[in-house]
Amino acid sequence: MGTCPECGAAVNVDDDVVEGEILECEECGAELEVISVSPLELELAPEEEEDWGE
């Protein structure tokens, strides 16, 4: 179980979660990235920027 860095709610995390996986907070809907699995650390996922063919 992790904690949402946006709203502080408990986030259920599966035992087989891997670093880099994106989860969603069920309380506030924020996208969270798994930074570390041992110990479990969650951060807000970086927003994807539009690639305008550059």
PDB file of N, CA and C in Angstrom:
ATOM      1  N   MET A   1       0.852  -1.174   0.000  1.00  0.00           N
ATOM      2  CA  MET A   1       0.000   0.000   0.000  1.00  0.00           C
ATOM      3  C   MET A   1       0.895   1.233   0.000  1.00  0.00           C
ATOM      4  N   GLY A   2       0.594   2.166  -0.904  1.00  0.00           N
ATOM      5  CA  GLY A   2       1.345   3.401  -0.988  1.00  0.00           C
ATOM      6  C   GLY A   2       0.466   4.578  -0.616  1.00  0.00           C
ATOM      7  N   THR A   3       1.028   5.758  -0.696  1.00  0.00           N
ATOM      8  CA  THR A   3       0.301   6.979  -0.393  1.00  0.00           C
ATOM      9  C   THR A   3       0.391   7.930  -1.575  1.00  0.00           C
ATOM     10  N   CYS A   4      -0.737   8.485  -1.967  1.00  0.00           N
ATOM     11  CA  CYS A   4      -0.776   9.420  -3.082  1.00  0.00           C
ATOM     12  C   CYS A   4      -0.096  10.729  -2.668  1.00  0.00           C
ATOM     13  N   PRO A   5       0.925  11.162  -3.441  1.00  0.00           N
ATOM     14  CA  PRO A   5       1.588  12.421  -3.110  1.00  0.00           C
ATOM     15  C   PRO A   5       0.716  13.647  -3.397  1.00  0.00           C
ATOM     16  N   GLU A   6      -0.363  13.471  -4.137  1.00  0.00           N
ATOM     17  CA  GLU A   6      -1.253  14.587  -4.488  1.00  0.00           C
ATOM     18  C   GLU A   6      -2.280  14.851  -3.394  1.00  0.00           C
ATOM     19  N   CYS A   7      -2.957  13.785  -2.927  1.00  0.00           N
ATOM     20  CA  CYS A   7      -4.055  13.985  -1.967  1.00  0.00           C
ATOM     21  C   CYS A   7      -3.845  13.265  -0.639  1.00  0.00           C
ATOM     22  N   GLY A   8      -2.827  12.399  -0.548  1.00  0.00           N
ATOM     23  CA  GLY A   8      -2.537  11.713   0.709  1.00  0.00           C
ATOM     24  C   GLY A   8      -3.351  10.449   0.943  1.00  0.00           C
ATOM     25  N   ALA A   9      -4.171  10.060  -0.030  1.00  0.00           N
ATOM     26  CA  ALA A   9      -4.997   8.854   0.115  1.00  0.00           C
ATOM     27  C   ALA A   9      -4.141   7.599  -0.022  1.00  0.00           C
ATOM     28  N   ALA A  10      -4.618   6.518   0.570  1.00  0.00           N
ATOM     29  CA  ALA A  10      -3.960   5.220   0.441  1.00  0.00           C
ATOM     30  C   ALA A  10      -4.191   4.692  -0.967  1.00  0.00           C
ATOM     31  N   VAL A  11      -3.114   4.182  -1.586  1.00  0.00           N
ATOM     32  CA  VAL A  11      -3.186   3.641  -2.939  1.00  0.00           C
ATOM     33  C   VAL A  11      -2.846   2.158  -2.872  1.00  0.00           C
ATOM     34  N   ASN A  12      -3.775   1.315  -3.313  1.00  0.00           N
ATOM     35  CA  ASN A  12      -3.515  -0.121  -3.346  1.00  0.00           C
ATOM     36  C   ASN A  12      -2.537  -0.434  -4.469  1.00  0.00           C
ATOM     37  N   VAL A  13      -1.483  -1.150  -4.128  1.00  0.00           N
ATOM     38  CA  VAL A  13      -0.453  -1.507  -5.096  1.00  0.00           C
ATOM     39  C   VAL A  13      -0.292  -3.023  -5.088  1.00  0.00           C
ATOM     40  N   ASP A  14      -0.357  -3.645  -6.271  1.00  0.00           N
ATOM     41  CA  ASP A  14      -0.184  -5.092  -6.372  1.00  0.00           C
ATOM     42  C   ASP A  14       1.222  -5.501  -5.957  1.00  0.00           C
ATOM     43  N   ASP A  15       1.362  -6.743  -5.502  1.00  0.00           N
ATOM     44  CA  ASP A  15       2.663  -7.257  -5.086  1.00  0.00           C
ATOM     45  C   ASP A  15       3.647  -7.348  -6.245  1.00  0.00           C
ATOM     46  N   ASP A  16       3.139  -7.487  -7.477  1.00  0.00           N
ATOM     47  CA  ASP A  16       4.017  -7.659  -8.635  1.00  0.00           C
ATOM     48  C   ASP A  16       4.273  -6.346  -9.388  1.00  0.00           C
ATOM     49  N   VAL A  17       4.050  -5.200  -8.705  1.00  0.00           N
ATOM     50  CA  VAL A  17       4.279  -3.901  -9.337  1.00  0.00           C
ATOM     51  C   VAL A  17       5.769  -3.734  -9.631  1.00  0.00           C
ATOM     52  N   VAL A  18       6.081  -3.017 -10.713  1.00  0.00           N
ATOM     53  CA  VAL A  18       7.478  -2.807 -11.105  1.00  0.00           C
ATOM     54  C   VAL A  18       7.764  -1.308 -11.196  1.00  0.00           C
ATOM     55  N   GLU A  19       9.039  -0.953 -11.063  1.00  0.00           N
ATOM     56  CA  GLU A  19       9.436   0.443 -11.189  1.00  0.00           C
ATOM     57  C   GLU A  19       9.056   0.958 -12.570  1.00  0.00           C
ATOM     58  N   GLY A  20       8.583   2.189 -12.627  1.00  0.00           N
ATOM     59  CA  GLY A  20       8.194   2.797 -13.889  1.00  0.00           C
ATOM     60  C   GLY A  20       6.734   2.587 -14.241  1.00  0.00           C
ATOM     61  N   GLU A  21       6.049   1.725 -13.492  1.00  0.00           N
ATOM     62  CA  GLU A  21       4.633   1.462 -13.768  1.00  0.00           C
ATOM     63  C   GLU A  21       3.804   2.688 -13.378  1.00  0.00           C
ATOM     64  N   ILE A  22       2.758   2.947 -14.144  1.00  0.00           N
ATOM     65  CA  ILE A  22       1.870   4.075 -13.876  1.00  0.00           C
ATOM     66  C   ILE A  22       0.588   3.546 -13.242  1.00  0.00           C
ATOM     67  N   LEU A  23       0.224   4.139 -12.112  1.00  0.00           N
ATOM     68  CA  LEU A  23      -1.001   3.782 -11.398  1.00  0.00           C
ATOM     69  C   LEU A  23      -1.896   5.006 -11.333  1.00  0.00           C
ATOM     70  N   GLU A  24      -3.162   4.801 -10.967  1.00  0.00           N
ATOM     71  CA  GLU A  24      -4.064   5.935 -10.799  1.00  0.00           C
ATOM     72  C   GLU A  24      -4.617   5.934  -9.390  1.00  0.00           C
ATOM     73  N   CYS A  25      -4.599   7.109  -8.760  1.00  0.00           N
ATOM     74  CA  CYS A  25      -5.177   7.253  -7.428  1.00  0.00           C
ATOM     75  C   CYS A  25      -6.690   7.179  -7.560  1.00  0.00           C
ATOM     76  N   GLU A  26      -7.320   6.283  -6.791  1.00  0.00           N
ATOM     77  CA  GLU A  26      -8.770   6.131  -6.874  1.00  0.00           C
ATOM     78  C   GLU A  26      -9.503   7.324  -6.261  1.00  0.00           C
ATOM     79  N   GLU A  27      -8.844   8.072  -5.388  1.00  0.00           N
ATOM     80  CA  GLU A  27      -9.477   9.220  -4.732  1.00  0.00           C
ATOM     81  C   GLU A  27      -9.498  10.463  -5.612  1.00  0.00           C
ATOM     82  N   CYS A  28      -8.319  10.862  -6.136  1.00  0.00           N
ATOM     83  CA  CYS A  28      -8.242  12.132  -6.865  1.00  0.00           C
ATOM     84  C   CYS A  28      -7.995  11.959  -8.356  1.00  0.00           C
ATOM     85  N   GLY A  29      -7.682  10.728  -8.805  1.00  0.00           N
ATOM     86  CA  GLY A  29      -7.488  10.473 -10.226  1.00  0.00           C
ATOM     87  C   GLY A  29      -6.106  10.817 -10.743  1.00  0.00           C
ATOM     88  N   ALA A  30      -5.194  11.216  -9.857  1.00  0.00           N
ATOM     89  CA  ALA A  30      -3.843  11.568 -10.288  1.00  0.00           C
ATOM     90  C   ALA A  30      -3.120  10.334 -10.813  1.00  0.00           C
ATOM     91  N   GLU A  31      -2.318  10.521 -11.874  1.00  0.00           N
ATOM     92  CA  GLU A  31      -1.497   9.430 -12.386  1.00  0.00           C
ATOM     93  C   GLU A  31      -0.198   9.410 -11.588  1.00  0.00           C
ATOM     94  N   LEU A  32       0.143   8.247 -11.058  1.00  0.00           N
ATOM     95  CA  LEU A  32       1.303   8.091 -10.195  1.00  0.00           C
ATOM     96  C   LEU A  32       2.297   7.130 -10.821  1.00  0.00           C
ATOM     97  N   GLU A  33       3.566   7.448 -10.721  1.00  0.00           N
ATOM     98  CA  GLU A  33       4.617   6.575 -11.224  1.00  0.00           C
ATOM     99  C   GLU A  33       5.303   5.897 -10.049  1.00  0.00           C
ATOM    100  N   VAL A  34       5.535   4.586 -10.183  1.00  0.00           N
ATOM    101  CA  VAL A  34       6.267   3.842  -9.163  1.00  0.00           C
ATOM    102  C   VAL A  34       7.748   4.160  -9.348  1.00  0.00           C
ATOM    103  N   ILE A  35       8.326   4.866  -8.378  1.00  0.00           N
ATOM    104  CA  ILE A  35       9.730   5.259  -8.444  1.00  0.00           C
ATOM    105  C   ILE A  35      10.608   4.151  -7.869  1.00  0.00           C
ATOM    106  N   SER A  36      10.121   3.497  -6.825  1.00  0.00           N
ATOM    107  CA  SER A  36      10.874   2.437  -6.162  1.00  0.00           C
ATOM    108  C   SER A  36       9.886   1.428  -5.601  1.00  0.00           C
ATOM    109  N   VAL A  37      10.265   0.150  -5.622  1.00  0.00           N
ATOM    110  CA  VAL A  37       9.383  -0.876  -5.061  1.00  0.00           C
ATOM    111  C   VAL A  37       9.826  -1.316  -3.666  1.00  0.00           C
ATOM    112  N   SER A  38      11.055  -1.063  -3.314  1.00  0.00           N
ATOM    113  CA  SER A  38      11.536  -1.460  -1.987  1.00  0.00           C
ATOM    114  C   SER A  38      12.504  -0.413  -1.457  1.00  0.00           C
ATOM    115  N   PRO A  39      12.056   0.531  -0.660  1.00  0.00           N
ATOM    116  CA  PRO A  39      10.664   0.690  -0.193  1.00  0.00           C
ATOM    117  C   PRO A  39       9.783   1.299  -1.287  1.00  0.00           C
ATOM    118  N   LEU A  40       8.480   1.097  -1.159  1.00  0.00           N
ATOM    119  CA  LEU A  40       7.541   1.606  -2.148  1.00  0.00           C
ATOM    120  C   LEU A  40       7.548   3.129  -2.124  1.00  0.00           C
ATOM    121  N   GLU A  41       7.750   3.714  -3.292  1.00  0.00           N
ATOM    122  CA  GLU A  41       7.758   5.167  -3.410  1.00  0.00           C
ATOM    123  C   GLU A  41       6.994   5.561  -4.661  1.00  0.00           C
ATOM    124  N   LEU A  42       6.009   6.454  -4.488  1.00  0.00           N
ATOM    125  CA  LEU A  42       5.187   6.923  -5.600  1.00  0.00           C
ATOM    126  C   LEU A  42       5.400   8.419  -5.790  1.00  0.00           C
ATOM    127  N   GLU A  43       5.426   8.860  -7.050  1.00  0.00           N
ATOM    128  CA  GLU A  43       5.494  10.281  -7.379  1.00  0.00           C
ATOM    129  C   GLU A  43       4.471  10.556  -8.465  1.00  0.00           C
ATOM    130  N   LEU A  44       4.110  11.822  -8.619  1.00  0.00           N
ATOM    131  CA  LEU A  44       3.221  12.183  -9.714  1.00  0.00           C
ATOM    132  C   LEU A  44       3.909  11.857 -11.025  1.00  0.00           C
ATOM    133  N   ALA A  45       3.186  11.201 -11.917  1.00  0.00           N
ATOM    134  CA  ALA A  45       3.753  10.838 -13.215  1.00  0.00           C
ATOM    135  C   ALA A  45       3.944  12.086 -14.044  1.00  0.00           C
ATOM    136  N   PRO A  46       5.045  12.160 -14.794  1.00  0.00           N
ATOM    137  CA  PRO A  46       5.242  13.321 -15.671  1.00  0.00           C
ATOM    138  C   PRO A  46       4.179  13.341 -16.752  1.00  0.00           C
ATOM    139  N   GLU A  47       3.669  14.533 -17.050  1.00  0.00           N
ATOM    140  CA  GLU A  47       2.661  14.642 -18.098  1.00  0.00           C
ATOM    141  C   GLU A  47       3.328  14.497 -19.446  1.00  0.00           C
ATOM    142  N   GLU A  48       2.695  13.722 -20.320  1.00  0.00           N
ATOM    143  CA  GLU A  48       3.238  13.539 -21.665  1.00  0.00           C
ATOM    144  C   GLU A  48       2.980  14.801 -22.456  1.00  0.00           C
ATOM    145  N   GLU A  49       4.024  15.262 -23.124  1.00  0.00           N
ATOM    146  CA  GLU A  49       3.878  16.448 -23.954  1.00  0.00           C
ATOM    147  C   GLU A  49       3.562  16.027 -25.381  1.00  0.00           C
ATOM    148  N   GLU A  50       2.839  16.890 -26.064  1.00  0.00           N
ATOM    149  CA  GLU A  50       2.503  16.622 -27.456  1.00  0.00           C
ATOM    150  C   GLU A  50       3.763  16.655 -28.311  1.00  0.00           C
ATOM    151  N   ASP A  51       3.873  15.713 -29.208  1.00  0.00           N
ATOM    152  CA  ASP A  51       4.981  15.687 -30.160  1.00  0.00           C
ATOM    153  C   ASP A  51       4.399  16.126 -31.501  1.00  0.00           C
ATOM    154  N   TRP A  52       4.652  17.336 -31.878  1.00  0.00           N
ATOM    155  CA  TRP A  52       4.071  17.894 -33.085  1.00  0.00           C
ATOM    156  C   TRP A  52       4.894  17.553 -34.309  1.00  0.00           C
ATOM    157  N   GLY A  53       5.508  16.367 -34.316  1.00  0.00           N
ATOM    158  CA  GLY A  53       6.264  15.930 -35.476  1.00  0.00           C
ATOM    159  C   GLY A  53       7.642  16.553 -35.549  1.00  0.00           C
ATOM    160  N   GLU A  54       8.099  17.052 -34.419  1.00  0.00           N
ATOM    161  CA  GLU A  54       9.412  17.697 -34.401  1.00  0.00           C
ATOM    162  C   GLU A  54      10.509  16.673 -34.222  1.00  0.00           C
TER     163      GLU A  54
END
